[in-house]
Protein backbone atom coordinates (compact mmCIF):
# COMPACT_ATOMS: atom_id res chain seq x y z
CA MET A 1 5.48 39.81 51.70
CA GLY A 2 2.63 40.68 54.07
CA GLU A 3 2.15 39.78 57.70
CA THR A 4 1.41 36.13 58.46
CA ALA A 5 -0.65 34.54 61.21
CA THR A 6 1.09 34.33 64.57
CA ILE A 7 -0.14 30.96 65.81
CA PRO A 8 1.54 29.26 68.81
CA ILE A 9 3.73 26.19 68.17
CA ILE A 10 3.41 23.52 70.86
CA ASP A 11 5.24 20.22 71.26
CA ILE A 12 2.68 17.98 72.97
CA SER A 13 4.95 14.90 72.89
CA ALA A 14 8.25 16.28 74.15
CA GLN A 15 9.96 13.93 76.57
CA GLY A 16 9.71 15.13 80.16
CA ALA A 17 7.19 17.86 79.30
CA ASP A 18 4.89 19.16 82.04
CA GLN A 19 1.47 17.86 80.93
CA ALA A 20 -0.44 20.53 82.87
CA GLN A 21 1.63 23.30 81.26
CA VAL A 22 1.17 21.84 77.76
CA ALA A 23 -2.57 21.63 78.41
CA LYS A 24 -2.67 25.26 79.53
CA GLU A 25 -0.81 26.39 76.41
CA LEU A 26 -3.21 24.46 74.18
CA VAL A 27 -6.28 25.97 75.84
CA ASP A 28 -4.78 29.47 75.65
CA ALA A 29 -4.18 29.04 71.90
CA ALA A 30 -7.67 27.61 71.36
CA THR A 31 -9.39 30.46 73.19
CA GLU A 32 -7.41 33.24 71.50
CA TYR A 33 -6.78 31.92 67.97
CA GLY A 34 -8.79 28.71 67.49
CA PHE A 35 -5.65 27.36 65.78
CA VAL A 36 -2.40 25.86 67.04
CA TYR A 37 0.61 24.27 65.40
CA VAL A 38 1.52 20.88 66.88
CA LYS A 39 5.23 20.33 66.39
CA ASN A 40 5.69 17.20 64.28
CA THR A 41 8.75 15.24 65.33
CA GLY A 42 7.26 11.90 64.34
CA ARG A 43 6.38 10.65 67.82
CA ASP A 44 2.62 10.56 67.12
CA ILE A 45 2.47 10.26 63.33
CA SER A 46 5.64 9.50 61.40
CA ALA A 47 6.87 11.53 58.44
CA GLU A 48 6.78 8.30 56.43
CA GLN A 49 3.08 7.78 57.16
CA ILE A 50 2.31 11.32 56.07
CA GLU A 51 4.38 11.03 52.89
CA ASN A 52 2.68 7.74 52.00
CA ALA A 53 -0.76 9.30 52.47
CA PHE A 54 0.15 12.17 50.14
CA ASN A 55 1.35 9.66 47.54
CA VAL A 56 -1.96 7.79 47.76
CA SER A 57 -3.76 11.10 47.33
CA ARG A 58 -1.86 11.89 44.12
CA THR A 59 -2.74 8.43 42.78
CA LEU A 60 -6.41 8.82 43.68
CA PHE A 61 -6.93 12.18 42.01
CA LYS A 62 -5.17 11.01 38.84
CA SER A 63 -7.69 8.17 38.55
CA PRO A 64 -10.05 8.18 35.53
CA ILE A 65 -13.06 10.43 36.07
CA GLU A 66 -15.39 7.46 35.61
CA ASP A 67 -13.66 5.62 38.44
CA LYS A 68 -14.07 8.59 40.78
CA GLN A 69 -17.68 9.22 39.76
CA ARG A 70 -18.50 5.65 40.75
CA CYS A 71 -17.63 6.75 44.30
CA THR A 72 -19.58 10.04 44.34
CA ILE A 73 -20.19 11.45 47.80
CA GLU A 74 -23.46 10.56 49.51
CA LYS A 75 -25.37 11.87 52.52
CA ASN A 76 -23.18 9.78 54.81
CA ASN A 77 -20.43 12.29 53.87
CA GLN A 78 -18.27 9.57 52.31
CA GLY A 79 -16.94 9.49 48.75
CA TRP A 80 -15.65 11.74 45.99
CA SER A 81 -16.69 15.35 45.42
CA GLY A 82 -15.73 16.90 42.10
CA MET A 83 -14.95 20.46 41.13
CA HIS A 84 -17.59 22.93 42.38
CA THR A 85 -19.53 20.23 44.27
CA GLU A 86 -19.00 21.98 47.59
CA THR A 87 -19.93 25.58 48.27
CA LEU A 88 -18.47 26.36 51.68
CA ASP A 89 -19.50 30.03 51.62
CA PRO A 90 -22.78 30.09 49.66
CA LYS A 91 -23.55 33.69 50.58
CA SER A 92 -20.35 35.02 49.00
CA GLN A 93 -19.37 32.53 46.28
CA ARG A 94 -20.68 32.83 42.73
CA MET A 95 -19.87 29.16 42.16
CA GLY A 96 -18.62 26.12 44.09
CA ASP A 97 -15.09 25.51 45.36
CA PHE A 98 -12.24 24.96 42.89
CA LYS A 99 -11.18 21.63 44.36
CA GLU A 100 -11.74 17.88 44.42
CA GLY A 101 -12.05 15.88 47.60
CA PHE A 102 -12.40 12.30 48.76
CA ASN A 103 -13.87 11.48 52.17
CA PHE A 104 -13.05 8.19 53.89
CA GLY A 105 -15.27 6.86 56.63
CA PRO A 106 -14.29 3.95 58.86
CA PHE A 107 -12.09 1.06 57.79
CA GLU A 108 -12.59 -2.51 59.01
CA ASN A 109 -9.67 -4.90 59.19
CA GLY A 110 -7.63 -2.55 57.00
CA LYS A 111 -10.31 -2.36 54.30
CA ALA A 112 -12.54 0.55 53.25
CA THR A 113 -16.24 0.16 54.00
CA GLN A 114 -17.27 2.28 51.00
CA PRO A 115 -16.62 2.30 47.24
CA ILE A 116 -13.10 3.50 46.39
CA PRO A 117 -11.24 3.97 43.09
CA GLN A 118 -9.52 0.83 41.86
CA SER A 119 -6.18 2.66 41.72
CA ILE A 120 -5.93 2.93 45.52
CA GLU A 121 -7.23 -0.50 46.49
CA PRO A 122 -3.66 -1.76 47.20
CA HIS A 123 -3.17 1.12 49.66
CA GLN A 124 -6.17 0.58 51.94
CA ALA A 125 -4.14 -0.71 54.88
CA GLU A 126 -1.86 2.36 54.73
CA LEU A 127 -4.84 4.72 54.79
CA ALA A 128 -6.50 2.77 57.58
CA ALA A 129 -3.36 3.00 59.74
CA PHE A 130 -2.98 6.73 59.00
CA ARG A 131 -6.64 7.38 59.87
CA GLU A 132 -6.26 5.46 63.13
CA ALA A 133 -3.12 7.43 64.04
CA CYS A 134 -4.96 10.70 63.37
CA HIS A 135 -7.85 9.65 65.60
CA GLU A 136 -5.49 8.71 68.43
CA LEU A 137 -3.70 12.07 68.16
CA CYS A 138 -7.06 13.85 68.37
CA ARG A 139 -7.96 11.90 71.50
CA LYS A 140 -4.60 12.88 73.00
CA LEU A 141 -5.37 16.54 72.25
CA LEU A 142 -8.89 16.22 73.67
CA LEU A 143 -7.48 14.80 76.92
CA LEU A 144 -5.16 17.81 77.15
CA PHE A 145 -8.09 20.15 76.53
CA GLY A 146 -9.96 18.39 79.32
CA ILE A 147 -7.02 18.89 81.67
CA GLY A 148 -6.52 22.52 80.64
CA LEU A 149 -10.20 23.35 81.12
CA GLY A 150 -10.40 21.64 84.48
CA VAL A 151 -13.03 19.19 83.23
CA ASN A 152 -14.08 16.55 85.77
CA PRO A 153 -13.27 13.88 84.77
CA PRO A 154 -10.42 15.06 82.51
CA ASP A 155 -11.11 12.32 79.94
CA PHE A 156 -14.71 13.57 79.41
CA PHE A 157 -13.99 14.55 75.78
CA THR A 158 -11.77 11.55 75.10
CA LYS A 159 -14.46 9.06 76.17
CA ALA A 160 -16.96 10.78 73.86
CA HIS A 161 -14.64 10.10 70.91
CA SER A 162 -14.30 6.34 71.28
CA PRO A 163 -12.99 4.79 68.04
CA SER A 164 -15.28 1.78 68.59
CA GLN A 165 -18.48 3.85 68.23
CA PRO A 166 -20.04 5.14 64.97
CA SER A 167 -19.23 8.80 64.38
CA GLY A 168 -18.95 11.45 61.71
CA SER A 169 -15.13 11.38 61.79
CA ILE A 170 -13.68 11.64 58.29
CA LEU A 171 -10.25 11.37 56.69
CA ARG A 172 -10.31 13.72 53.72
CA LEU A 173 -7.87 13.96 50.82
CA LEU A 174 -7.98 17.25 48.90
CA TYR A 175 -6.65 18.37 45.53
CA TYR A 176 -6.65 21.96 44.26
CA PRO A 177 -5.72 22.23 40.56
CA PRO A 178 -3.16 24.92 39.67
CA PRO A 179 -4.38 28.20 38.15
CA SER A 180 -2.96 27.06 34.80
CA SER A 181 -5.22 23.99 34.69
CA PRO A 182 -8.11 23.83 32.17
CA THR A 183 -10.39 23.01 35.10
CA THR A 184 -9.75 26.46 36.58
CA ALA A 185 -10.04 28.40 33.31
CA SER A 186 -13.40 29.83 34.40
CA ALA A 187 -11.98 31.25 37.64
CA GLN A 188 -12.19 34.98 38.24
CA PRO A 189 -9.84 36.98 40.49
CA SER A 190 -12.46 37.06 43.25
CA ASP A 191 -12.93 33.28 43.27
CA VAL A 192 -11.43 31.10 45.99
CA ARG A 193 -10.25 27.52 46.03
CA ALA A 194 -12.27 26.82 49.19
CA GLY A 195 -14.83 29.27 50.51
CA ALA A 196 -14.68 30.89 53.94
CA HIS A 197 -15.92 28.47 56.57
CA SER A 198 -15.40 27.05 60.01
CA ASP A 199 -15.09 23.30 60.53
CA TYR A 200 -17.95 21.22 61.81
CA GLY A 201 -16.55 18.80 64.37
CA SER A 202 -14.45 18.79 67.54
CA VAL A 203 -10.89 19.19 66.29
CA THR A 204 -9.34 19.14 62.82
CA LEU A 205 -5.84 17.99 61.88
CA LEU A 206 -4.40 19.54 58.71
CA PHE A 207 -1.31 18.17 56.95
CA ARG A 208 0.27 20.31 54.22
CA LEU A 209 3.28 20.17 51.91
CA ALA A 210 6.12 22.64 52.17
CA GLY A 211 5.92 25.43 49.60
CA GLN A 212 2.20 25.11 48.89
CA ALA A 213 0.41 28.33 49.80
CA GLY A 214 -3.24 29.25 50.00
CA LEU A 215 -4.59 28.86 53.53
CA GLU A 216 -5.77 32.03 55.24
CA LEU A 217 -7.58 32.58 58.52
CA LEU A 218 -9.81 35.45 59.54
CA ASP A 219 -7.74 36.86 62.39
CA PRO A 220 -10.17 37.20 65.33
CA ARG A 221 -8.24 40.20 66.65
CA THR A 222 -8.14 42.27 63.46
CA GLU A 223 -10.97 40.72 61.40
CA SER A 224 -8.61 40.60 58.42
CA TRP A 225 -7.48 37.67 56.26
CA THR A 226 -4.00 36.45 57.17
CA PRO A 227 -1.87 33.77 55.45
CA VAL A 228 -0.98 30.71 57.52
CA PRO A 229 2.58 29.46 56.76
CA VAL A 230 3.09 25.74 56.22
CA SER A 231 6.39 25.77 58.14
CA PRO A 232 6.57 28.70 60.57
CA PRO A 233 9.94 29.83 61.93
CA GLY A 234 11.50 27.24 64.20
CA THR A 235 10.04 24.19 62.43
CA GLU A 236 12.02 24.19 59.19
CA ALA A 237 14.38 21.41 60.33
CA ASP A 238 11.65 19.08 61.64
CA PRO A 239 11.01 15.75 59.85
CA ALA A 240 7.73 17.15 58.50
CA PRO A 241 5.87 20.47 58.70
CA PRO A 242 3.88 20.93 61.91
CA ILE A 243 0.34 19.61 62.06
CA LEU A 244 -2.09 22.51 62.06
CA VAL A 245 -4.88 21.91 64.56
CA ASN A 246 -8.06 23.93 64.73
CA ILE A 247 -11.15 23.91 66.89
CA GLY A 248 -14.40 22.95 65.16
CA ASP A 249 -17.88 24.36 65.67
CA LEU A 250 -19.05 21.40 67.71
CA LEU A 251 -16.35 21.79 70.38
CA SER A 252 -16.90 25.55 70.39
CA TYR A 253 -20.64 25.01 70.86
CA TRP A 254 -19.99 22.39 73.54
CA THR A 255 -17.77 24.78 75.51
CA ASN A 256 -20.18 27.74 75.24
CA GLY A 257 -17.88 29.47 72.76
CA LEU A 258 -14.88 29.48 75.11
CA LEU A 259 -12.83 27.50 72.60
CA ARG A 260 -12.84 29.50 69.39
CA SER A 261 -13.87 28.09 65.99
CA THR A 262 -12.09 30.41 63.55
CA VAL A 263 -13.17 31.04 59.97
CA HIS A 264 -10.62 30.15 57.28
CA ARG A 265 -10.41 29.72 53.50
CA VAL A 266 -8.07 28.66 50.69
CA THR A 267 -7.26 31.20 48.01
CA ALA A 268 -5.33 31.25 44.74
CA ALA A 269 -4.03 34.76 45.29
CA THR A 270 -0.27 35.23 45.03
CA ALA A 271 0.03 38.72 46.49
CA ALA A 272 1.06 39.29 50.11
CA GLY A 273 1.72 35.61 50.68
CA VAL A 274 4.35 33.66 52.58
CA ALA A 275 8.00 33.72 51.53
CA GLY A 276 8.94 30.49 49.80
CA GLU A 277 5.33 29.48 49.17
CA SER A 278 3.36 29.65 45.92
CA THR A 279 -0.13 28.96 44.57
CA ALA A 280 1.19 28.31 41.05
CA ASP A 281 1.40 24.54 41.54
CA PRO A 282 -1.22 21.92 42.40
CA ARG A 283 -2.09 21.94 46.11
CA TYR A 284 -2.65 18.75 48.08
CA SER A 285 -3.70 18.50 51.70
CA LEU A 286 -4.75 15.78 54.13
CA VAL A 287 -7.41 16.56 56.70
CA PHE A 288 -8.80 14.57 59.60
CA PHE A 289 -12.10 15.81 60.99
CA CYS A 290 -12.69 14.33 64.44
CA HIS A 291 -16.26 14.02 65.73
CA PRO A 292 -17.74 12.51 68.89
CA ALA A 293 -19.75 9.30 68.70
CA ASP A 294 -23.03 9.99 66.89
CA ALA A 295 -25.26 9.50 69.93
CA THR A 296 -23.21 11.79 72.19
CA PRO A 297 -25.46 14.48 73.73
CA LEU A 298 -23.83 17.89 73.60
CA ALA A 299 -24.82 18.56 77.19
CA PRO A 300 -22.98 21.07 79.41
CA VAL A 301 -19.31 20.27 79.95
CA PRO A 302 -18.53 19.51 83.63
CA SER A 303 -16.04 22.37 83.98
CA GLU A 304 -16.31 25.47 86.18
CA ARG A 305 -14.34 27.45 83.63
CA VAL A 306 -16.72 26.51 80.82
CA ARG A 307 -19.81 27.12 82.96
CA GLY A 308 -18.43 30.48 84.04
CA PHE A 309 -17.66 31.72 80.53
CA LYS A 310 -20.03 34.57 79.68
CA GLY A 311 -19.57 35.03 75.95
CA ASP A 312 -22.59 36.98 74.78
CA ALA A 313 -25.12 35.52 72.34
CA SER A 314 -23.90 37.58 69.37
CA GLN A 315 -20.32 36.48 70.01
CA LEU A 316 -21.35 32.83 70.11
CA ALA A 317 -23.45 33.17 66.95
CA SER A 318 -20.53 34.69 65.06
CA ARG A 319 -18.28 31.80 66.06
CA ASN A 320 -20.86 29.12 65.27
CA PRO A 321 -23.79 30.40 63.19
CA TYR A 322 -25.56 27.02 63.35
CA ALA A 323 -25.50 26.73 67.13
CA GLU A 324 -28.74 26.92 69.06
CA ARG A 325 -28.82 26.80 72.81
CA LYS A 326 -30.35 23.35 73.15
CA VAL A 327 -28.92 19.88 73.65
CA LEU A 328 -28.18 18.29 70.28
CA THR A 329 -26.49 15.01 69.60
CA ALA A 330 -23.21 15.03 67.71
CA SER A 331 -24.95 13.48 64.69
CA GLU A 332 -27.70 16.14 64.63
CA HIS A 333 -25.11 18.92 64.76
CA LEU A 334 -23.17 17.42 61.83
CA GLN A 335 -26.28 16.94 59.68
CA MET A 336 -27.19 20.62 60.08
CA ARG A 337 -23.82 21.63 58.71
CA LEU A 338 -23.72 19.12 55.85
CA ARG A 339 -27.12 20.24 54.61
CA ALA A 340 -25.81 23.80 54.23
CA THR A 341 -22.64 22.66 52.38
CA TYR A 342 -24.19 20.21 49.91
CA LEU A 343 -27.24 22.25 48.95
CA GLN A 344 -27.77 20.57 45.58
CA MET A 345 -27.40 17.00 46.87
CA TYR A 346 -29.92 17.51 49.65
CA ALA A 347 -32.34 19.43 47.41
CA GLU A 348 -32.29 16.65 44.81
CA GLY A 349 -32.88 14.04 47.49
CA GLU A 350 -35.85 15.91 48.93
CA GLU A 351 -37.33 16.46 45.45
CA LYS A 352 -37.02 12.75 44.66
CA GLN A 353 -38.66 11.84 47.97
CA GLN A 354 -41.53 14.23 47.32
CA GLN A 355 -42.10 12.70 43.86
CA GLN A 356 -42.18 9.22 45.35
CA GLU A 357 -44.73 10.31 47.94
CA GLU A 358 -46.92 11.90 45.25
CA THR A 359 -46.94 8.73 43.14
CA ALA A 360 -47.46 6.37 46.07
């Protein structure tokens, strides 16, 4: 087996832990790797909640195709995306990603506010509670980042991610068919399950199942693709695999590139992988993409360390190719990224609008 990513493992909820030291370790990991494992002992999100969410995901993706198509993703970034709908790396991919996804926006009173497959209607309260727990964990992480960066006030990021305000935050369920599936029969050795990309928002939480391989990151130190183990050494006996946290483009942009947004992908390759992990089976993952409230201006962060960071323009562009040095709102930043991902959906919408204008 080849070398795997060496990402720090941090317990942010250990009893009696020094909060300032935990914050420093998080910032160090975010500046060097852009990724960090958060040890999952069940204090923030229980193993039972995670297991239930994976069970709902299996039920959803087994739903009849007609039921899923009724919930097709729209420009609000909510709904179902079928095989090849997304193209996360349009410059390198010959076709779209080999995966299905379902994006959940906000829930109200334990109920989805968007069309969902009939098969998961009984499980809405479970998903709502899991989504809420993910958002609260992200806010806990953002407070620690504020402390570690010396932001004044330390809850600057946390306040910008209020759960009571509209935002682009999404709970996403993902399904990658196995290589033996008829839906992947057209795949070539060079194809990937999810193209190389960086995430769009502030922070991302990734939940994976033991034994399911595929995730790789572009190591910022070597510029080579490196597998990311589900359960790195020291976490095998925990109630659930650690939660993999990564910095998104928005937080990298907001901090002048100090916090690193690292490119990653999902492959179907079996060579040079992680011991005990395989791509031969279906792959499921749960992802929470945390975004600030839509109207949040991405103005300079009140931190001497952030203001003093002198990453050059080419370095910043490589970390966040969509960043421009002007004040955007969180919503504007997200829309730029979605337009690049869902090329066909946006092109069809613009064509339809043009036809309506011509016939008006």
